[in-house]
Amino acid sequence: MPLRVLIATLAGIFATLMSTPNALADSSNRELASYYERHMALEGGVAHGWVGRGEPRRMRSGVVQVGVGKDAYFALLADGTLLAWADAPDAATTLLRGVASFAAGESGWFAIDRAGVLWHGTGTGNAPGAAPKRIAEGVVAASIGDGADYYITRDGTLYAGGLAQRGQYGDGRLTATADFVATASDAVAVKAHTGHAIHLRRDGVVMGTGGNRYGPLSSRGLGDKADRWGPIFDGAVAIATGSRHSLAIRADGSLWAWGEGYTIEPAKLFDKVVAVAAGDTATIARTADGALWQWDGGGGRAPRRLTLR
């Protein structure tokens, strides 16, 4: 293939990836969030939250990104203020200002400020916690998992830190390091959950590593673990992973799923999807017409349509 054609092809792929609403936080994108049994959805600047199979309730307005942890709801306001609360939105704690995007999960939260600096904090809606710790510069994406955390720098380098016993780093090590270490390249998005992680490469390939007892990494190390990043799916423009299953959206809007409750090999679940999030057994998706859908326990039953009031 002539060099000019190769460059044009790669540029087209990169433009597609960058123009799609890729997930940014806790197995979700800016408008959807799910972590274990807590869920959030954003519509018209209004954040809604619910637990399990409950009904969404209105929480806060003026929001540009939502997120959840095990014990808290999170919201990023249009002015860059990151908030968290346990149950009462009116009693929200201010965690950090000047934030561009964030991620939340087991170890607290990551916030990327407007200068691309990554901060880690442990405060939630119950308490402000210690002062946020500066982690790295030039960061474009991050994810908090259940014991291992990840971030991606502007050059596509993926860094991992935290627990490693299930192969979460993806570089073969099974012992944790004191600091974050580079474990992959050409990454544009990363999502982590219970002992495993997936990331999206620039070429649209979904890579996975870590624990795989239930199939969130498809057949890679099924029944135990994969300790190195390896390919799972191709043609993806956005990804999400839950406790025991994973998902990807292709450029044509098709949603694909694999893991517990689904087939081990990726199979198409839905069409015309623009955003997706995954929690314990739940999958939440928004379609191009603005409708919001939730599957509970897998793809064997029809999803329920959620109403945001």
Protein backbone atom coordinates (compact mmCIF):
# COMPACT_ATOMS: atom_id res chain seq x y z
CA MET A 1 0.00 0.00 0.00
CA PRO A 2 1.47 3.43 -0.95
CA LEU A 3 2.51 5.52 2.05
CA ARG A 4 0.06 8.32 1.23
CA VAL A 5 -2.85 5.84 1.13
CA LEU A 6 -1.77 4.25 4.42
CA ILE A 7 -1.56 7.66 6.10
CA ALA A 8 -5.00 8.65 4.78
CA THR A 9 -6.51 5.36 5.96
CA LEU A 10 -5.06 5.69 9.46
CA ALA A 11 -6.17 9.32 9.64
CA GLY A 12 -9.71 8.27 8.75
CA ILE A 13 -9.77 5.62 11.47
CA PHE A 14 -8.43 8.05 14.05
CA ALA A 15 -10.98 10.71 13.05
CA THR A 16 -13.81 8.19 13.48
CA LEU A 17 -12.58 7.19 16.92
CA MET A 18 -12.11 10.73 18.09
CA SER A 19 -15.53 11.92 16.81
CA THR A 20 -17.44 9.13 18.60
CA PRO A 21 -18.61 9.70 22.21
CA ASN A 22 -16.11 7.24 23.71
CA ALA A 23 -16.52 6.26 27.33
CA LEU A 24 -14.49 8.36 29.71
CA ALA A 25 -15.30 7.17 33.19
CA ASP A 26 -16.22 4.12 35.25
CA SER A 27 -17.31 1.85 32.43
CA SER A 28 -19.26 4.60 30.76
CA ASN A 29 -19.14 7.80 28.75
CA ARG A 30 -20.01 11.32 29.84
CA GLU A 31 -23.76 10.79 29.76
CA LEU A 32 -24.06 7.29 31.26
CA ALA A 33 -22.47 5.67 34.32
CA SER A 34 -22.77 2.34 36.08
CA TYR A 35 -20.71 0.70 38.82
CA TYR A 36 -22.07 -2.41 40.53
CA GLU A 37 -25.66 -1.46 41.45
CA ARG A 38 -25.52 2.35 41.09
CA HIS A 39 -26.39 3.98 37.79
CA MET A 40 -26.64 7.51 36.39
CA ALA A 41 -27.81 9.10 33.17
CA LEU A 42 -27.50 12.65 31.89
CA GLU A 43 -30.15 14.32 29.75
CA GLY A 44 -30.37 17.99 28.89
CA GLY A 45 -27.83 18.87 31.56
CA VAL A 46 -29.85 17.12 34.28
CA ALA A 47 -28.32 14.17 36.14
CA HIS A 48 -30.58 11.27 37.13
CA GLY A 49 -29.61 8.39 39.42
CA TRP A 50 -31.01 5.03 40.51
CA VAL A 51 -30.02 1.76 42.17
CA GLY A 52 -30.44 -1.72 40.66
CA ARG A 53 -33.74 -2.03 38.83
CA GLY A 54 -35.24 1.06 40.40
CA GLU A 55 -36.59 4.07 38.55
CA PRO A 56 -34.29 7.01 37.73
CA ARG A 57 -34.82 10.13 39.83
CA ARG A 58 -33.76 13.68 39.08
CA MET A 59 -30.69 14.73 41.08
CA ARG A 60 -28.87 17.84 39.81
CA SER A 61 -28.93 20.28 36.90
CA GLY A 62 -26.08 22.08 35.13
CA VAL A 63 -24.16 18.80 34.77
CA VAL A 64 -21.84 17.86 31.87
CA GLN A 65 -20.64 14.41 33.07
CA VAL A 66 -21.97 11.80 35.49
CA GLY A 67 -20.23 9.00 37.37
CA VAL A 68 -20.75 6.54 40.19
CA GLY A 69 -18.79 4.61 42.80
CA LYS A 70 -19.96 1.93 45.19
CA ASP A 71 -21.08 4.46 47.78
CA ALA A 72 -21.55 7.73 45.93
CA TYR A 73 -22.91 9.59 42.94
CA PHE A 74 -20.62 12.04 41.11
CA ALA A 75 -21.34 14.98 38.82
CA LEU A 76 -19.13 17.39 36.91
CA LEU A 77 -20.71 20.83 36.55
CA ALA A 78 -20.35 23.08 33.52
CA ASP A 79 -17.99 25.38 35.46
CA GLY A 80 -15.54 22.50 36.14
CA THR A 81 -16.63 21.73 39.71
CA LEU A 82 -16.58 18.03 40.62
CA LEU A 83 -19.22 17.04 43.19
CA ALA A 84 -20.09 13.82 45.04
CA TRP A 85 -22.91 12.80 47.35
CA ALA A 86 -24.16 9.61 49.00
CA ASP A 87 -27.93 10.00 48.75
CA ALA A 88 -28.83 13.68 49.07
CA PRO A 89 -27.70 15.79 46.06
CA ASP A 90 -28.31 18.98 48.03
CA ALA A 91 -25.62 17.87 50.51
CA ALA A 92 -22.97 17.28 47.84
CA THR A 93 -19.28 17.62 48.67
CA THR A 94 -17.04 19.68 46.38
CA LEU A 95 -14.06 17.49 45.50
CA LEU A 96 -12.08 19.60 43.01
CA ARG A 97 -12.44 22.61 40.70
CA GLY A 98 -11.14 23.21 37.20
CA VAL A 99 -11.94 19.63 36.13
CA ALA A 100 -12.32 18.61 32.46
CA SER A 101 -13.32 14.95 33.00
CA PHE A 102 -13.24 12.33 35.76
CA ALA A 103 -13.59 8.65 36.66
CA ALA A 104 -14.87 7.01 39.84
CA GLY A 105 -14.74 3.55 41.38
CA GLU A 106 -13.34 1.43 44.19
CA SER A 107 -10.25 3.47 45.12
CA GLY A 108 -11.97 6.85 44.92
CA TRP A 109 -11.82 9.08 41.85
CA PHE A 110 -9.55 10.37 39.12
CA ALA A 111 -9.94 13.91 37.79
CA ILE A 112 -8.23 15.30 34.69
CA ASP A 113 -7.97 19.06 34.96
CA ARG A 114 -8.08 21.51 32.08
CA ALA A 115 -4.29 21.42 31.76
CA GLY A 116 -4.27 17.62 31.39
CA VAL A 117 -3.02 16.94 34.92
CA LEU A 118 -4.40 13.78 36.54
CA TRP A 119 -5.42 13.91 40.21
CA HIS A 120 -6.46 11.07 42.50
CA GLY A 121 -8.76 11.61 45.46
CA THR A 122 -10.47 9.40 48.02
CA GLY A 123 -13.28 11.69 49.14
CA THR A 124 -16.90 10.77 48.41
CA GLY A 125 -20.29 12.15 49.25
CA ASN A 126 -19.82 11.01 52.84
CA ALA A 127 -16.59 12.89 53.50
CA PRO A 128 -14.20 15.16 51.57
CA GLY A 129 -11.20 12.84 52.21
CA ALA A 130 -7.53 13.81 52.01
CA ALA A 131 -6.24 16.43 49.60
CA PRO A 132 -6.14 15.08 46.01
CA LYS A 133 -2.76 13.69 44.91
CA ARG A 134 -1.14 14.74 41.62
CA ILE A 135 -0.47 11.61 39.54
CA ALA A 136 0.64 12.54 36.02
CA GLU A 137 0.63 15.17 33.24
CA GLY A 138 -0.60 15.07 29.66
CA VAL A 139 -3.46 12.70 30.49
CA VAL A 140 -6.47 12.31 28.16
CA ALA A 141 -8.44 9.38 29.69
CA ALA A 142 -8.58 7.42 32.94
CA SER A 143 -10.48 4.62 34.64
CA ILE A 144 -10.88 3.47 38.24
CA GLY A 145 -11.32 -0.29 38.55
CA ASP A 146 -11.95 -2.59 41.47
CA GLY A 147 -8.40 -2.66 42.82
CA ALA A 148 -6.46 -1.54 39.72
CA ASP A 149 -6.55 1.88 38.03
CA TYR A 150 -5.48 3.11 34.59
CA TYR A 151 -4.76 6.26 32.60
CA ILE A 152 -3.76 7.17 29.05
CA THR A 153 -1.43 10.00 28.03
CA ARG A 154 -1.60 12.12 24.87
CA ASP A 155 0.78 9.84 22.98
CA GLY A 156 -1.49 6.81 23.57
CA THR A 157 0.59 5.20 26.33
CA LEU A 158 -1.53 3.24 28.83
CA TYR A 159 -0.40 3.18 32.46
CA ALA A 160 -1.58 0.72 35.13
CA GLY A 161 -1.29 0.70 38.90
CA GLY A 162 -2.78 -1.07 41.92
CA LEU A 163 -3.49 -4.77 42.35
CA ALA A 164 -1.83 -7.15 39.91
CA GLN A 165 -2.60 -10.68 41.14
CA ARG A 166 -5.15 -11.29 38.38
CA GLY A 167 -2.92 -9.95 35.63
CA GLN A 168 -4.50 -6.49 35.69
CA TYR A 169 -1.34 -4.75 34.41
CA GLY A 170 -1.35 -6.68 31.15
CA ASP A 171 2.44 -7.00 30.96
CA GLY A 172 2.81 -10.43 32.58
CA ARG A 173 3.49 -9.28 36.12
CA LEU A 174 1.41 -10.59 39.03
CA THR A 175 2.93 -8.39 41.73
CA ALA A 176 1.88 -4.78 42.31
CA THR A 177 4.29 -1.90 41.75
CA ALA A 178 4.70 1.18 43.92
CA ASP A 179 3.97 3.52 41.02
CA PHE A 180 2.02 3.45 37.78
CA VAL A 181 3.84 1.68 34.93
CA ALA A 182 3.42 1.83 31.15
CA THR A 183 1.91 -1.41 29.86
CA ALA A 184 0.46 -0.68 26.39
CA SER A 185 0.56 1.80 23.50
CA ASP A 186 -1.81 3.31 20.91
CA ALA A 187 -4.68 3.39 23.42
CA VAL A 188 -7.59 5.86 23.19
CA ALA A 189 -9.94 4.58 25.92
CA VAL A 190 -9.71 2.26 28.93
CA LYS A 191 -12.34 0.70 31.20
CA ALA A 192 -11.85 -1.45 34.30
CA HIS A 193 -14.04 -3.30 36.76
CA THR A 194 -13.72 -6.47 38.89
CA GLY A 195 -10.13 -7.67 38.47
CA HIS A 196 -10.02 -7.07 34.72
CA ALA A 197 -9.70 -4.24 32.21
CA ILE A 198 -10.21 -3.59 28.53
CA HIS A 199 -8.80 -0.81 26.38
CA LEU A 200 -9.53 0.46 22.88
CA ARG A 201 -6.63 0.86 20.48
CA ARG A 202 -6.50 3.50 17.77
CA ASP A 203 -7.11 0.84 15.13
CA GLY A 204 -10.45 -0.14 16.70
CA VAL A 205 -9.24 -3.34 18.36
CA VAL A 206 -10.48 -4.03 21.90
CA MET A 207 -7.71 -5.44 24.11
CA GLY A 208 -8.25 -7.20 27.45
CA THR A 209 -6.33 -8.44 30.49
CA GLY A 210 -6.95 -9.69 34.04
CA GLY A 211 -9.41 -12.05 35.69
CA ASN A 212 -11.71 -13.93 33.34
CA ARG A 213 -13.76 -16.44 35.33
CA TYR A 214 -17.02 -15.34 33.70
CA GLY A 215 -15.95 -14.17 30.25
CA PRO A 216 -15.54 -10.35 30.29
CA LEU A 217 -12.37 -10.94 28.24
CA SER A 218 -14.18 -13.36 25.90
CA SER A 219 -12.14 -16.58 25.53
CA ARG A 220 -8.80 -15.13 26.65
CA GLY A 221 -7.79 -17.08 29.76
CA LEU A 222 -11.41 -18.13 30.26
CA GLY A 223 -12.01 -19.71 33.67
CA ASP A 224 -8.99 -18.03 35.26
CA LYS A 225 -7.05 -15.04 33.95
CA ALA A 226 -5.06 -13.50 31.13
CA ASP A 227 -1.94 -11.72 32.36
CA ARG A 228 -1.12 -9.93 29.11
CA TRP A 229 -3.12 -7.60 26.90
CA GLY A 230 -4.61 -9.47 23.97
CA PRO A 231 -7.22 -8.81 21.24
CA ILE A 232 -10.90 -9.54 21.86
CA PHE A 233 -12.89 -7.60 19.26
CA ASP A 234 -12.28 -5.31 16.30
CA GLY A 235 -13.99 -2.41 14.58
CA ALA A 236 -14.95 -0.74 17.87
CA VAL A 237 -15.34 2.99 18.49
CA ALA A 238 -16.42 2.83 22.17
CA ILE A 239 -16.18 0.30 25.01
CA ALA A 240 -17.59 -0.52 28.44
CA THR A 241 -17.04 -3.27 30.98
CA GLY A 242 -18.97 -4.39 34.02
CA SER A 243 -18.38 -6.87 36.81
CA ARG A 244 -18.55 -9.94 34.57
CA HIS A 245 -19.31 -8.76 31.04
CA SER A 246 -18.03 -6.28 28.44
CA LEU A 247 -19.45 -4.33 25.52
CA ALA A 248 -18.35 -2.45 22.43
CA ILE A 249 -20.03 -0.12 19.93
CA ARG A 250 -19.08 -0.22 16.25
CA ALA A 251 -19.18 2.77 13.90
CA ASP A 252 -22.48 1.55 12.45
CA GLY A 253 -24.09 1.89 15.89
CA SER A 254 -24.30 -1.84 16.59
CA LEU A 255 -23.80 -2.83 20.24
CA TRP A 256 -21.89 -6.04 20.94
CA ALA A 257 -21.67 -7.91 24.26
CA TRP A 258 -19.81 -10.86 25.76
CA GLY A 259 -19.36 -12.47 29.19
CA GLU A 260 -21.76 -13.73 31.86
CA GLY A 261 -25.36 -13.52 30.69
CA TYR A 262 -24.17 -13.30 27.10
CA THR A 263 -22.19 -15.55 24.80
CA ILE A 264 -18.45 -15.90 25.38
CA GLU A 265 -17.65 -14.75 21.86
CA PRO A 266 -18.91 -11.21 21.11
CA ALA A 267 -22.44 -11.15 19.70
CA LYS A 268 -24.62 -8.26 18.54
CA LEU A 269 -27.08 -7.08 21.17
CA PHE A 270 -28.74 -3.93 19.78
CA ASP A 271 -28.63 -1.38 16.96
CA LYS A 272 -28.38 2.42 16.64
CA VAL A 273 -26.54 2.77 19.99
CA VAL A 274 -24.56 5.93 20.76
CA ALA A 275 -23.56 5.33 24.40
CA VAL A 276 -23.24 2.37 26.78
CA ALA A 277 -22.37 1.64 30.41
CA ALA A 278 -22.10 -1.57 32.42
CA GLY A 279 -22.39 -2.37 36.12
CA ASP A 280 -22.74 -5.64 38.02
CA THR A 281 -25.24 -7.43 35.78
CA ALA A 282 -26.79 -4.31 34.25
CA THR A 283 -26.15 -2.88 30.80
CA ILE A 284 -27.43 0.62 30.05
CA ALA A 285 -27.51 2.01 26.51
CA ARG A 286 -28.76 5.13 24.77
CA THR A 287 -29.91 4.90 21.18
CA ALA A 288 -29.70 7.54 18.46
CA ASP A 289 -33.32 8.58 19.03
CA GLY A 290 -32.49 9.48 22.65
CA ALA A 291 -34.19 6.45 24.22
CA LEU A 292 -32.55 4.89 27.29
CA TRP A 293 -32.55 1.09 27.78
CA GLN A 294 -31.50 -1.25 30.58
CA TRP A 295 -30.77 -4.98 30.47
CA ASP A 296 -30.54 -6.88 33.76
CA GLY A 297 -28.75 -10.21 33.96
CA GLY A 298 -27.80 -10.52 30.31
CA GLY A 299 -29.18 -10.44 26.81
CA GLY A 300 -31.65 -13.30 27.11
CA ARG A 301 -34.55 -10.97 27.83
CA ALA A 302 -35.76 -7.76 26.24
CA PRO A 303 -34.46 -4.53 27.78
CA ARG A 304 -36.74 -2.19 29.68
CA ARG A 305 -37.06 1.39 28.53
CA LEU A 306 -36.17 3.91 31.20
CA THR A 307 -37.99 7.21 31.65
CA LEU A 308 -36.11 10.26 32.90
CA ARG A 309 -38.46 12.71 34.63
